[in-house]
Amino acid sequence: MVAALCFVITGIIFLTEGLNLVPTPSADGNRSFLNECREKLAVDHCGQEIGNELFLEHGTTGPGCCIKLMSLEKCHKELLKDFLSSPDHANVNATEVWRRSDVLLNRCHIVAGHYPSVI
């Protein structure tokens, strides 16, 4: 539960038409990139949906959040890597979370292809 809540805080996806919300690593390095990702991903209920699916093994990320996830996939992966590498989360089964993330991303690629883009 704590792992899911931490992940929810670190990232959820928000995409607004006409804005470039996909951050890229800057001269400040990876920490700056991760902070920008957190800001971009901390909107809507997508974080809760994604966190529930990845860490609590219940719920399914909906079509809207899947579309948003596809737009910021690199952020999702980098935030997840950062989260799982923290000593505070040593009790989290990283292999299983990465497996669930792959399943989620694969499903979201399919879902996003069946709905109009929000970009």
PDB file of N, CA and C in Angstrom:
ATOM      1  N   MET A   1       0.823  -1.187   0.000  1.00  0.00           N
ATOM      2  CA  MET A   1       0.000   0.000   0.000  1.00  0.00           C
ATOM      3  C   MET A   1       0.869   1.254   0.000  1.00  0.00           C
ATOM      4  N   VAL A   2       1.901   1.253   0.857  1.00  0.00           N
ATOM      5  CA  VAL A   2       2.796   2.409   0.924  1.00  0.00           C
ATOM      6  C   VAL A   2       3.506   2.593  -0.405  1.00  0.00           C
ATOM      7  N   ALA A   3       3.929   1.468  -1.010  1.00  0.00           N
ATOM      8  CA  ALA A   3       4.610   1.557  -2.303  1.00  0.00           C
ATOM      9  C   ALA A   3       3.698   2.180  -3.344  1.00  0.00           C
ATOM     10  N   ALA A   4       2.443   1.789  -3.350  1.00  0.00           N
ATOM     11  CA  ALA A   4       1.502   2.345  -4.324  1.00  0.00           C
ATOM     12  C   ALA A   4       1.298   3.832  -4.094  1.00  0.00           C
ATOM     13  N   LEU A   5       1.167   4.227  -2.850  1.00  0.00           N
ATOM     14  CA  LEU A   5       0.968   5.640  -2.552  1.00  0.00           C
ATOM     15  C   LEU A   5       2.184   6.464  -2.932  1.00  0.00           C
ATOM     16  N   CYS A   6       3.377   5.927  -2.686  1.00  0.00           N
ATOM     17  CA  CYS A   6       4.598   6.646  -3.076  1.00  0.00           C
ATOM     18  C   CYS A   6       4.665   6.791  -4.587  1.00  0.00           C
ATOM     19  N   PHE A   7       4.293   5.733  -5.300  1.00  0.00           N
ATOM     20  CA  PHE A   7       4.327   5.800  -6.753  1.00  0.00           C
ATOM     21  C   PHE A   7       3.304   6.805  -7.263  1.00  0.00           C
ATOM     22  N   VAL A   8       2.155   6.834  -6.631  1.00  0.00           N
ATOM     23  CA  VAL A   8       1.125   7.797  -7.022  1.00  0.00           C
ATOM     24  C   VAL A   8       1.661   9.212  -6.881  1.00  0.00           C
ATOM     25  N   ILE A   9       2.370   9.465  -5.802  1.00  0.00           N
ATOM     26  CA  ILE A   9       2.927  10.796  -5.581  1.00  0.00           C
ATOM     27  C   ILE A   9       3.979  11.116  -6.629  1.00  0.00           C
ATOM     28  N   THR A  10       4.808  10.115  -6.995  1.00  0.00           N
ATOM     29  CA  THR A  10       5.891  10.382  -7.938  1.00  0.00           C
ATOM     30  C   THR A  10       5.423  10.535  -9.360  1.00  0.00           C
ATOM     31  N   GLY A  11       4.277  10.034  -9.680  1.00  0.00           N
ATOM     32  CA  GLY A  11       3.951  10.253 -11.052  1.00  0.00           C
ATOM     33  C   GLY A  11       2.599   9.829 -11.543  1.00  0.00           C
ATOM     34  N   ILE A  12       1.962  10.707 -12.183  1.00  0.00           N
ATOM     35  CA  ILE A  12       0.771  10.420 -12.939  1.00  0.00           C
ATOM     36  C   ILE A  12       0.728  11.368 -14.099  1.00  0.00           C
ATOM     37  N   ILE A  13       0.064  10.930 -15.112  1.00  0.00           N
ATOM     38  CA  ILE A  13       0.245  11.586 -16.381  1.00  0.00           C
ATOM     39  C   ILE A  13      -0.836  12.582 -16.714  1.00  0.00           C
ATOM     40  N   PHE A  14      -0.370  13.698 -17.234  1.00  0.00           N
ATOM     41  CA  PHE A  14      -1.292  14.746 -17.661  1.00  0.00           C
ATOM     42  C   PHE A  14      -0.802  15.287 -18.987  1.00  0.00           C
ATOM     43  N   LEU A  15      -1.666  15.361 -19.951  1.00  0.00           N
ATOM     44  CA  LEU A  15      -1.283  15.863 -21.257  1.00  0.00           C
ATOM     45  C   LEU A  15      -2.285  16.915 -21.687  1.00  0.00           C
ATOM     46  N   THR A  16      -1.798  18.066 -22.070  1.00  0.00           N
ATOM     47  CA  THR A  16      -2.646  19.161 -22.508  1.00  0.00           C
ATOM     48  C   THR A  16      -2.312  19.500 -23.944  1.00  0.00           C
ATOM     49  N   GLU A  17      -3.333  19.645 -24.762  1.00  0.00           N
ATOM     50  CA  GLU A  17      -3.139  19.952 -26.167  1.00  0.00           C
ATOM     51  C   GLU A  17      -2.337  21.237 -26.332  1.00  0.00           C
ATOM     52  N   GLY A  18      -1.355  21.150 -27.227  1.00  0.00           N
ATOM     53  CA  GLY A  18      -0.569  22.327 -27.562  1.00  0.00           C
ATOM     54  C   GLY A  18       0.629  22.565 -26.668  1.00  0.00           C
ATOM     55  N   LEU A  19       0.772  21.801 -25.607  1.00  0.00           N
ATOM     56  CA  LEU A  19       1.914  21.980 -24.721  1.00  0.00           C
ATOM     57  C   LEU A  19       2.888  20.832 -24.904  1.00  0.00           C
ATOM     58  N   ASN A  20       4.162  21.137 -24.842  1.00  0.00           N
ATOM     59  CA  ASN A  20       5.171  20.090 -24.886  1.00  0.00           C
ATOM     60  C   ASN A  20       5.438  19.655 -23.461  1.00  0.00           C
ATOM     61  N   LEU A  21       4.820  18.569 -23.049  1.00  0.00           N
ATOM     62  CA  LEU A  21       4.945  18.117 -21.677  1.00  0.00           C
ATOM     63  C   LEU A  21       5.933  16.985 -21.508  1.00  0.00           C
ATOM     64  N   VAL A  22       6.605  16.582 -22.564  1.00  0.00           N
ATOM     65  CA  VAL A  22       7.545  15.490 -22.458  1.00  0.00           C
ATOM     66  C   VAL A  22       8.912  16.063 -22.120  1.00  0.00           C
ATOM     67  N   PRO A  23       9.328  15.942 -20.847  1.00  0.00           N
ATOM     68  CA  PRO A  23      10.609  16.507 -20.469  1.00  0.00           C
ATOM     69  C   PRO A  23      11.764  15.701 -21.031  1.00  0.00           C
ATOM     70  N   THR A  24      12.886  16.346 -21.145  1.00  0.00           N
ATOM     71  CA  THR A  24      14.111  15.684 -21.567  1.00  0.00           C
ATOM     72  C   THR A  24      15.182  15.984 -20.536  1.00  0.00           C
ATOM     73  N   PRO A  25      16.135  15.064 -20.382  1.00  0.00           N
ATOM     74  CA  PRO A  25      17.192  15.321 -19.408  1.00  0.00           C
ATOM     75  C   PRO A  25      17.880  16.646 -19.704  1.00  0.00           C
ATOM     76  N   SER A  26      18.147  17.398 -18.661  1.00  0.00           N
ATOM     77  CA  SER A  26      18.743  18.718 -18.823  1.00  0.00           C
ATOM     78  C   SER A  26      20.179  18.705 -18.330  1.00  0.00           C
ATOM     79  N   ALA A  27      20.806  19.875 -18.398  1.00  0.00           N
ATOM     80  CA  ALA A  27      22.172  20.012 -17.914  1.00  0.00           C
ATOM     81  C   ALA A  27      22.263  19.728 -16.416  1.00  0.00           C
ATOM     82  N   ASP A  28      21.151  19.886 -15.705  1.00  0.00           N
ATOM     83  CA  ASP A  28      21.135  19.606 -14.268  1.00  0.00           C
ATOM     84  C   ASP A  28      21.184  18.117 -13.978  1.00  0.00           C
ATOM     85  N   GLY A  29      21.049  17.313 -15.009  1.00  0.00           N
ATOM     86  CA  GLY A  29      21.147  15.875 -14.838  1.00  0.00           C
ATOM     87  C   GLY A  29      19.825  15.196 -14.584  1.00  0.00           C
ATOM     88  N   ASN A  30      19.947  13.948 -14.180  1.00  0.00           N
ATOM     89  CA  ASN A  30      18.784  13.085 -14.044  1.00  0.00           C
ATOM     90  C   ASN A  30      17.818  13.552 -12.956  1.00  0.00           C
ATOM     91  N   ARG A  31      18.307  14.113 -11.864  1.00  0.00           N
ATOM     92  CA  ARG A  31      17.414  14.534 -10.775  1.00  0.00           C
ATOM     93  C   ARG A  31      16.450  15.615 -11.258  1.00  0.00           C
ATOM     94  N   SER A  32      16.962  16.549 -12.038  1.00  0.00           N
ATOM     95  CA  SER A  32      16.113  17.602 -12.595  1.00  0.00           C
ATOM     96  C   SER A  32      15.061  17.000 -13.527  1.00  0.00           C
ATOM     97  N   PHE A  33      15.485  16.056 -14.349  1.00  0.00           N
ATOM     98  CA  PHE A  33      14.566  15.360 -15.254  1.00  0.00           C
ATOM     99  C   PHE A  33      13.462  14.665 -14.458  1.00  0.00           C
ATOM    100  N   LEU A  34      13.841  13.950 -13.405  1.00  0.00           N
ATOM    101  CA  LEU A  34      12.853  13.243 -12.587  1.00  0.00           C
ATOM    102  C   LEU A  34      11.892  14.205 -11.906  1.00  0.00           C
ATOM    103  N   ASN A  35      12.407  15.320 -11.431  1.00  0.00           N
ATOM    104  CA  ASN A  35      11.533  16.315 -10.804  1.00  0.00           C
ATOM    105  C   ASN A  35      10.531  16.874 -11.804  1.00  0.00           C
ATOM    106  N   GLU A  36      10.985  17.127 -13.024  1.00  0.00           N
ATOM    107  CA  GLU A  36      10.075  17.621 -14.058  1.00  0.00           C
ATOM    108  C   GLU A  36       9.030  16.563 -14.397  1.00  0.00           C
ATOM    109  N   CYS A  37       9.458  15.309 -14.465  1.00  0.00           N
ATOM    110  CA  CYS A  37       8.513  14.217 -14.715  1.00  0.00           C
ATOM    111  C   CYS A  37       7.461  14.145 -13.617  1.00  0.00           C
ATOM    112  N   ARG A  38       7.900  14.259 -12.378  1.00  0.00           N
ATOM    113  CA  ARG A  38       6.947  14.215 -11.258  1.00  0.00           C
ATOM    114  C   ARG A  38       5.891  15.301 -11.399  1.00  0.00           C
ATOM    115  N   GLU A  39       6.332  16.487 -11.787  1.00  0.00           N
ATOM    116  CA  GLU A  39       5.383  17.588 -11.976  1.00  0.00           C
ATOM    117  C   GLU A  39       4.392  17.261 -13.090  1.00  0.00           C
ATOM    118  N   LYS A  40       4.884  16.706 -14.191  1.00  0.00           N
ATOM    119  CA  LYS A  40       4.027  16.410 -15.340  1.00  0.00           C
ATOM    120  C   LYS A  40       3.066  15.264 -15.050  1.00  0.00           C
ATOM    121  N   LEU A  41       3.481  14.348 -14.177  1.00  0.00           N
ATOM    122  CA  LEU A  41       2.697  13.144 -13.941  1.00  0.00           C
ATOM    123  C   LEU A  41       1.813  13.212 -12.703  1.00  0.00           C
ATOM    124  N   ALA A  42       1.790  14.325 -12.022  1.00  0.00           N
ATOM    125  CA  ALA A  42       1.103  14.406 -10.733  1.00  0.00           C
ATOM    126  C   ALA A  42      -0.312  14.965 -10.839  1.00  0.00           C
ATOM    127  N   VAL A  43      -0.987  14.720 -11.939  1.00  0.00           N
ATOM    128  CA  VAL A  43      -2.325  15.266 -12.155  1.00  0.00           C
ATOM    129  C   VAL A  43      -3.281  14.118 -12.496  1.00  0.00           C
ATOM    130  N   ASP A  44      -4.563  14.323 -12.254  1.00  0.00           N
ATOM    131  CA  ASP A  44      -5.629  13.353 -12.532  1.00  0.00           C
ATOM    132  C   ASP A  44      -5.549  12.178 -11.561  1.00  0.00           C
ATOM    133  N   HIS A  45      -6.361  11.194 -11.803  1.00  0.00           N
ATOM    134  CA  HIS A  45      -6.371   9.986 -10.982  1.00  0.00           C
ATOM    135  C   HIS A  45      -5.547   8.884 -11.619  1.00  0.00           C
ATOM    136  N   CYS A  46      -4.817   9.206 -12.665  1.00  0.00           N
ATOM    137  CA  CYS A  46      -4.032   8.194 -13.369  1.00  0.00           C
ATOM    138  C   CYS A  46      -2.978   7.572 -12.464  1.00  0.00           C
ATOM    139  N   GLY A  47      -2.362   8.350 -11.614  1.00  0.00           N
ATOM    140  CA  GLY A  47      -1.346   7.819 -10.708  1.00  0.00           C
ATOM    141  C   GLY A  47      -1.906   6.744  -9.810  1.00  0.00           C
ATOM    142  N   GLN A  48      -3.093   6.981  -9.319  1.00  0.00           N
ATOM    143  CA  GLN A  48      -3.744   5.990  -8.468  1.00  0.00           C
ATOM    144  C   GLN A  48      -4.047   4.730  -9.270  1.00  0.00           C
ATOM    145  N   GLU A  49      -4.556   4.902 -10.481  1.00  0.00           N
ATOM    146  CA  GLU A  49      -4.856   3.745 -11.328  1.00  0.00           C
ATOM    147  C   GLU A  49      -3.591   2.943 -11.624  1.00  0.00           C
ATOM    148  N   ILE A  50      -2.539   3.641 -12.030  1.00  0.00           N
ATOM    149  CA  ILE A  50      -1.285   2.970 -12.372  1.00  0.00           C
ATOM    150  C   ILE A  50      -0.676   2.322 -11.131  1.00  0.00           C
ATOM    151  N   GLY A  51      -0.644   3.059 -10.023  1.00  0.00           N
ATOM    152  CA  GLY A  51      -0.094   2.509  -8.782  1.00  0.00           C
ATOM    153  C   GLY A  51      -0.852   1.282  -8.305  1.00  0.00           C
ATOM    154  N   ASN A  52      -2.178   1.335  -8.367  1.00  0.00           N
ATOM    155  CA  ASN A  52      -2.973   0.171  -7.970  1.00  0.00           C
ATOM    156  C   ASN A  52      -2.645  -1.033  -8.832  1.00  0.00           C
ATOM    157  N   GLU A  53      -2.518  -0.807 -10.120  1.00  0.00           N
ATOM    158  CA  GLU A  53      -2.239  -1.919 -11.027  1.00  0.00           C
ATOM    159  C   GLU A  53      -0.833  -2.477 -10.817  1.00  0.00           C
ATOM    160  N   LEU A  54       0.137  -1.612 -10.606  1.00  0.00           N
ATOM    161  CA  LEU A  54       1.522  -2.070 -10.475  1.00  0.00           C
ATOM    162  C   LEU A  54       1.844  -2.646  -9.102  1.00  0.00           C
ATOM    163  N   PHE A  55       1.329  -2.027  -8.051  1.00  0.00           N
ATOM    164  CA  PHE A  55       1.756  -2.397  -6.704  1.00  0.00           C
ATOM    165  C   PHE A  55       0.726  -3.170  -5.900  1.00  0.00           C
ATOM    166  N   LEU A  56      -0.547  -2.956  -6.169  1.00  0.00           N
ATOM    167  CA  LEU A  56      -1.584  -3.612  -5.375  1.00  0.00           C
ATOM    168  C   LEU A  56      -2.263  -4.743  -6.127  1.00  0.00           C
ATOM    169  N   GLU A  57      -1.921  -4.905  -7.389  1.00  0.00           N
ATOM    170  CA  GLU A  57      -2.448  -5.978  -8.225  1.00  0.00           C
ATOM    171  C   GLU A  57      -3.968  -5.965  -8.337  1.00  0.00           C
ATOM    172  N   HIS A  58      -4.557  -4.789  -8.289  1.00  0.00           N
ATOM    173  CA  HIS A  58      -5.992  -4.710  -8.542  1.00  0.00           C
ATOM    174  C   HIS A  58      -6.287  -3.432  -9.303  1.00  0.00           C
ATOM    175  N   GLY A  59      -7.380  -3.461  -9.981  1.00  0.00           N
ATOM    176  CA  GLY A  59      -7.744  -2.317 -10.803  1.00  0.00           C
ATOM    177  C   GLY A  59      -7.058  -2.384 -12.153  1.00  0.00           C
ATOM    178  N   THR A  60      -7.607  -1.632 -13.060  1.00  0.00           N
ATOM    179  CA  THR A  60      -7.060  -1.556 -14.407  1.00  0.00           C
ATOM    180  C   THR A  60      -6.968  -0.097 -14.792  1.00  0.00           C
ATOM    181  N   THR A  61      -5.857   0.268 -15.368  1.00  0.00           N
ATOM    182  CA  THR A  61      -5.657   1.630 -15.836  1.00  0.00           C
ATOM    183  C   THR A  61      -6.595   1.870 -17.015  1.00  0.00           C
ATOM    184  N   GLY A  62      -7.415   2.910 -16.926  1.00  0.00           N
ATOM    185  CA  GLY A  62      -8.414   3.201 -17.943  1.00  0.00           C
ATOM    186  C   GLY A  62      -7.833   3.764 -19.226  1.00  0.00           C
ATOM    187  N   PRO A  63      -8.666   3.837 -20.273  1.00  0.00           N
ATOM    188  CA  PRO A  63      -8.212   4.317 -21.583  1.00  0.00           C
ATOM    189  C   PRO A  63      -7.583   5.708 -21.551  1.00  0.00           C
ATOM    190  N   GLY A  64      -8.191   6.637 -20.822  1.00  0.00           N
ATOM    191  CA  GLY A  64      -7.632   7.992 -20.768  1.00  0.00           C
ATOM    192  C   GLY A  64      -6.238   8.010 -20.171  1.00  0.00           C
ATOM    193  N   CYS A  65      -6.058   7.260 -19.094  1.00  0.00           N
ATOM    194  CA  CYS A  65      -4.737   7.200 -18.461  1.00  0.00           C
ATOM    195  C   CYS A  65      -3.749   6.419 -19.318  1.00  0.00           C
ATOM    196  N   CYS A  66      -4.229   5.425 -20.050  1.00  0.00           N
ATOM    197  CA  CYS A  66      -3.342   4.703 -20.973  1.00  0.00           C
ATOM    198  C   CYS A  66      -2.796   5.649 -22.041  1.00  0.00           C
ATOM    199  N   ILE A  67      -3.665   6.465 -22.593  1.00  0.00           N
ATOM    200  CA  ILE A  67      -3.229   7.412 -23.623  1.00  0.00           C
ATOM    201  C   ILE A  67      -2.203   8.374 -23.031  1.00  0.00           C
ATOM    202  N   LYS A  68      -2.462   8.843 -21.836  1.00  0.00           N
ATOM    203  CA  LYS A  68      -1.514   9.747 -21.187  1.00  0.00           C
ATOM    204  C   LYS A  68      -0.198   9.035 -20.879  1.00  0.00           C
ATOM    205  N   LEU A  69      -0.287   7.789 -20.441  1.00  0.00           N
ATOM    206  CA  LEU A  69       0.912   7.014 -20.144  1.00  0.00           C
ATOM    207  C   LEU A  69       1.790   6.873 -21.385  1.00  0.00           C
ATOM    208  N   MET A  70       1.180   6.671 -22.529  1.00  0.00           N
ATOM    209  CA  MET A  70       1.953   6.520 -23.761  1.00  0.00           C
ATOM    210  C   MET A  70       2.711   7.801 -24.105  1.00  0.00           C
ATOM    211  N   SER A  71       2.144   8.939 -23.772  1.00  0.00           N
ATOM    212  CA  SER A  71       2.795  10.204 -24.115  1.00  0.00           C
ATOM    213  C   SER A  71       4.005  10.492 -23.231  1.00  0.00           C
ATOM    214  N   LEU A  72       4.042   9.884 -22.057  1.00  0.00           N
ATOM    215  CA  LEU A  72       5.153  10.119 -21.135  1.00  0.00           C
ATOM    216  C   LEU A  72       5.754   8.798 -20.649  1.00  0.00           C
ATOM    217  N   GLU A  73       5.889   7.864 -21.567  1.00  0.00           N
ATOM    218  CA  GLU A  73       6.397   6.536 -21.225  1.00  0.00           C
ATOM    219  C   GLU A  73       7.807   6.596 -20.627  1.00  0.00           C
ATOM    220  N   LYS A  74       8.672   7.448 -21.187  1.00  0.00           N
ATOM    221  CA  LYS A  74      10.035   7.550 -20.657  1.00  0.00           C
ATOM    222  C   LYS A  74      10.003   8.032 -19.205  1.00  0.00           C
ATOM    223  N   CYS A  75       9.160   9.001 -18.908  1.00  0.00           N
ATOM    224  CA  CYS A  75       9.024   9.470 -17.522  1.00  0.00           C
ATOM    225  C   CYS A  75       8.583   8.330 -16.610  1.00  0.00           C
ATOM    226  N   HIS A  76       7.594   7.575 -17.051  1.00  0.00           N
ATOM    227  CA  HIS A  76       7.090   6.449 -16.260  1.00  0.00           C
ATOM    228  C   HIS A  76       8.225   5.489 -15.928  1.00  0.00           C
ATOM    229  N   LYS A  77       8.999   5.123 -16.936  1.00  0.00           N
ATOM    230  CA  LYS A  77      10.080   4.157 -16.733  1.00  0.00           C
ATOM    231  C   LYS A  77      11.170   4.709 -15.819  1.00  0.00           C
ATOM    232  N   GLU A  78      11.546   5.956 -16.016  1.00  0.00           N
ATOM    233  CA  GLU A  78      12.605   6.549 -15.190  1.00  0.00           C
ATOM    234  C   GLU A  78      12.148   6.744 -13.744  1.00  0.00           C
ATOM    235  N   LEU A  79      10.909   7.166 -13.554  1.00  0.00           N
ATOM    236  CA  LEU A  79      10.390   7.316 -12.191  1.00  0.00           C
ATOM    237  C   LEU A  79      10.284   5.966 -11.491  1.00  0.00           C
ATOM    238  N   LEU A  80       9.846   4.958 -12.227  1.00  0.00           N
ATOM    239  CA  LEU A  80       9.736   3.623 -11.652  1.00  0.00           C
ATOM    240  C   LEU A  80      11.121   3.095 -11.280  1.00  0.00           C
ATOM    241  N   LYS A  81      12.094   3.296 -12.161  1.00  0.00           N
ATOM    242  CA  LYS A  81      13.465   2.867 -11.872  1.00  0.00           C
ATOM    243  C   LYS A  81      13.996   3.576 -10.620  1.00  0.00           C
ATOM    244  N   ASP A  82      13.767   4.864 -10.522  1.00  0.00           N
ATOM    245  CA  ASP A  82      14.215   5.632  -9.362  1.00  0.00           C
ATOM    246  C   ASP A  82      13.525   5.143  -8.088  1.00  0.00           C
ATOM    247  N   PHE A  83      12.224   4.938  -8.163  1.00  0.00           N
ATOM    248  CA  PHE A  83      11.450   4.468  -7.018  1.00  0.00           C
ATOM    249  C   PHE A  83      11.957   3.114  -6.530  1.00  0.00           C
ATOM    250  N   LEU A  84      12.148   2.185  -7.454  1.00  0.00           N
ATOM    251  CA  LEU A  84      12.546   0.829  -7.079  1.00  0.00           C
ATOM    252  C   LEU A  84      13.992   0.745  -6.606  1.00  0.00           C
ATOM    253  N   SER A  85      14.818   1.695  -6.990  1.00  0.00           N
ATOM    254  CA  SER A  85      16.224   1.670  -6.566  1.00  0.00           C
ATOM    255  C   SER A  85      16.425   2.267  -5.173  1.00  0.00           C
ATOM    256  N   SER A  86      15.405   2.871  -4.623  1.00  0.00           N
ATOM    257  CA  SER A  86      15.509   3.483  -3.300  1.00  0.00           C
ATOM    258  C   SER A  86      15.588   2.409  -2.214  1.00  0.00           C
ATOM    259  N   PRO A  87      16.511   2.568  -1.260  1.00  0.00           N
ATOM    260  CA  PRO A  87      16.580   1.622  -0.135  1.00  0.00           C
ATOM    261  C   PRO A  87      15.269   1.562   0.657  1.00  0.00           C
ATOM    262  N   ASP A  88      14.493   2.632   0.611  1.00  0.00           N
ATOM    263  CA  ASP A  88      13.203   2.646   1.307  1.00  0.00           C
ATOM    264  C   ASP A  88      12.218   1.639   0.731  1.00  0.00           C
ATOM    265  N   HIS A  89      12.468   1.192  -0.486  1.00  0.00           N
ATOM    266  CA  HIS A  89      11.545   0.276  -1.154  1.00  0.00           C
ATOM    267  C   HIS A  89      12.197  -1.077  -1.432  1.00  0.00           C
ATOM    268  N   ALA A  90      13.179  -1.432  -0.608  1.00  0.00           N
ATOM    269  CA  ALA A  90      13.902  -2.692  -0.791  1.00  0.00           C
ATOM    270  C   ALA A  90      12.986  -3.907  -0.668  1.00  0.00           C
ATOM    271  N   ASN A  91      11.877  -3.762   0.040  1.00  0.00           N
ATOM    272  CA  ASN A  91      10.950  -4.883   0.221  1.00  0.00           C
ATOM    273  C   ASN A  91      10.011  -5.083  -0.969  1.00  0.00           C
ATOM    274  N   VAL A  92      10.045  -4.181  -1.932  1.00  0.00           N
ATOM    275  CA  VAL A  92       9.186  -4.294  -3.114  1.00  0.00           C
ATOM    276  C   VAL A  92       9.847  -5.248  -4.106  1.00  0.00           C
ATOM    277  N   ASN A  93       9.082  -6.182  -4.640  1.00  0.00           N
ATOM    278  CA  ASN A  93       9.596  -7.127  -5.629  1.00  0.00           C
ATOM    279  C   ASN A  93       9.730  -6.405  -6.970  1.00  0.00           C
ATOM    280  N   ALA A  94      10.910  -5.882  -7.228  1.00  0.00           N
ATOM    281  CA  ALA A  94      11.145  -5.071  -8.424  1.00  0.00           C
ATOM    282  C   ALA A  94      10.902  -5.860  -9.703  1.00  0.00           C
ATOM    283  N   THR A  95      11.301  -7.115  -9.726  1.00  0.00           N
ATOM    284  CA  THR A  95      11.106  -7.937 -10.926  1.00  0.00           C
ATOM    285  C   THR A  95       9.630  -8.043 -11.268  1.00  0.00           C
ATOM    286  N   GLU A  96       8.816  -8.258 -10.264  1.00  0.00           N
ATOM    287  CA  GLU A  96       7.372  -8.380 -10.485  1.00  0.00           C
ATOM    288  C   GLU A  96       6.765  -7.044 -10.902  1.00  0.00           C
ATOM    289  N   VAL A  97       7.210  -5.961 -10.298  1.00  0.00           N
ATOM    290  CA  VAL A  97       6.684  -4.640 -10.666  1.00  0.00           C
ATOM    291  C   VAL A  97       7.056  -4.310 -12.108  1.00  0.00           C
ATOM    292  N   TRP A  98       8.302  -4.608 -12.516  1.00  0.00           N
ATOM    293  CA  TRP A  98       8.694  -4.365 -13.916  1.00  0.00           C
ATOM    294  C   TRP A  98       7.872  -5.236 -14.867  1.00  0.00           C
ATOM    295  N   ARG A  99       7.581  -6.485 -14.468  1.00  0.00           N
ATOM    296  CA  ARG A  99       6.753  -7.358 -15.308  1.00  0.00           C
ATOM    297  C   ARG A  99       5.360  -6.752 -15.475  1.00  0.00           C
ATOM    298  N   ARG A 100       4.782  -6.301 -14.369  1.00  0.00           N
ATOM    299  CA  ARG A 100       3.455  -5.674 -14.440  1.00  0.00           C
ATOM    300  C   ARG A 100       3.493  -4.391 -15.268  1.00  0.00           C
ATOM    301  N   SER A 101       4.577  -3.635 -15.149  1.00  0.00           N
ATOM    302  CA  SER A 101       4.721  -2.414 -15.941  1.00  0.00           C
ATOM    303  C   SER A 101       4.750  -2.741 -17.429  1.00  0.00           C
ATOM    304  N   ASP A 102       5.483  -3.786 -17.799  1.00  0.00           N
ATOM    305  CA  ASP A 102       5.529  -4.196 -19.210  1.00  0.00           C
ATOM    306  C   ASP A 102       4.148  -4.604 -19.714  1.00  0.00           C
ATOM    307  N   VAL A 103       3.419  -5.358 -18.895  1.00  0.00           N
ATOM    308  CA  VAL A 103       2.059  -5.767 -19.268  1.00  0.00           C
ATOM    309  C   VAL A 103       1.177  -4.531 -19.441  1.00  0.00           C
ATOM    310  N   LEU A 104       1.269  -3.608 -18.496  1.00  0.00           N
ATOM    311  CA  LEU A 104       0.491  -2.369 -18.562  1.00  0.00           C
ATOM    312  C   LEU A 104       0.834  -1.577 -19.821  1.00  0.00           C
ATOM    313  N   LEU A 105       2.114  -1.375 -20.080  1.00  0.00           N
ATOM    314  CA  LEU A 105       2.522  -0.599 -21.255  1.00  0.00           C
ATOM    315  C   LEU A 105       2.070  -1.271 -22.551  1.00  0.00           C
ATOM    316  N   ASN A 106       2.206  -2.587 -22.632  1.00  0.00           N
ATOM    317  CA  ASN A 106       1.759  -3.297 -23.837  1.00  0.00           C
ATOM    318  C   ASN A 106       0.257  -3.137 -24.043  1.00  0.00           C
ATOM    319  N   ARG A 107      -0.508  -3.275 -22.955  1.00  0.00           N
ATOM    320  CA  ARG A 107      -1.957  -3.109 -23.065  1.00  0.00           C
ATOM    321  C   ARG A 107      -2.305  -1.674 -23.446  1.00  0.00           C
ATOM    322  N   CYS A 108      -1.618  -0.714 -22.851  1.00  0.00           N
ATOM    323  CA  CYS A 108      -1.906   0.692 -23.139  1.00  0.00           C
ATOM    324  C   CYS A 108      -1.553   1.061 -24.579  1.00  0.00           C
ATOM    325  N   HIS A 109      -0.512   0.453 -25.138  1.00  0.00           N
ATOM    326  CA  HIS A 109      -0.204   0.683 -26.553  1.00  0.00           C
ATOM    327  C   HIS A 109      -1.392   0.261 -27.415  1.00  0.00           C
ATOM    328  N   ILE A 110      -1.997  -0.864 -27.080  1.00  0.00           N
ATOM    329  CA  ILE A 110      -3.155  -1.356 -27.835  1.00  0.00           C
ATOM    330  C   ILE A 110      -4.362  -0.452 -27.601  1.00  0.00           C
ATOM    331  N   VAL A 111      -4.635  -0.144 -26.344  1.00  0.00           N
ATOM    332  CA  VAL A 111      -5.780   0.707 -26.001  1.00  0.00           C
ATOM    333  C   VAL A 111      -5.662   2.062 -26.677  1.00  0.00           C
ATOM    334  N   ALA A 112      -4.488   2.661 -26.619  1.00  0.00           N
ATOM    335  CA  ALA A 112      -4.287   3.993 -27.201  1.00  0.00           C
ATOM    336  C   ALA A 112      -4.547   3.986 -28.699  1.00  0.00           C
ATOM    337  N   GLY A 113      -4.335   2.863 -29.344  1.00  0.00           N
ATOM    338  CA  GLY A 113      -4.600   2.756 -30.775  1.00  0.00           C
ATOM    339  C   GLY A 113      -6.076   2.690 -31.117  1.00  0.00           C
ATOM    340  N   HIS A 114      -6.923   2.423 -30.122  1.00  0.00           N
ATOM    341  CA  HIS A 114      -8.363   2.303 -30.352  1.00  0.00           C
ATOM    342  C   HIS A 114      -9.148   3.550 -29.959  1.00  0.00           C
ATOM    343  N   TYR A 115      -8.472   4.547 -29.420  1.00  0.00           N
ATOM    344  CA  TYR A 115      -9.146   5.765 -28.982  1.00  0.00           C
ATOM    345  C   TYR A 115      -8.511   6.969 -29.654  1.00  0.00           C
ATOM    346  N   PRO A 116      -9.292   8.011 -29.888  1.00  0.00           N
ATOM    347  CA  PRO A 116      -8.709   9.233 -30.460  1.00  0.00           C
ATOM    348  C   PRO A 116      -7.635   9.785 -29.529  1.00  0.00           C
ATOM    349  N   SER A 117      -6.607  10.307 -30.109  1.00  0.00           N
ATOM    350  CA  SER A 117      -5.512  10.879 -29.334  1.00  0.00           C
ATOM    351  C   SER A 117      -5.970  12.147 -28.630  1.00  0.00           C
ATOM    352  N   VAL A 118      -5.437  12.366 -27.433  1.00  0.00           N
ATOM    353  CA  VAL A 118      -5.714  13.601 -26.709  1.00  0.00           C
ATOM    354  C   VAL A 118      -4.604  14.614 -26.939  1.00  0.00           C
ATOM    355  N   ILE A 119      -3.650  14.254 -27.749  1.00  0.00           N
ATOM    356  CA  ILE A 119      -2.513  15.143 -28.013  1.00  0.00           C
ATOM    357  C   ILE A 119      -2.934  16.256 -28.931  1.00  0.00           C
TER     358      ILE A 119
END
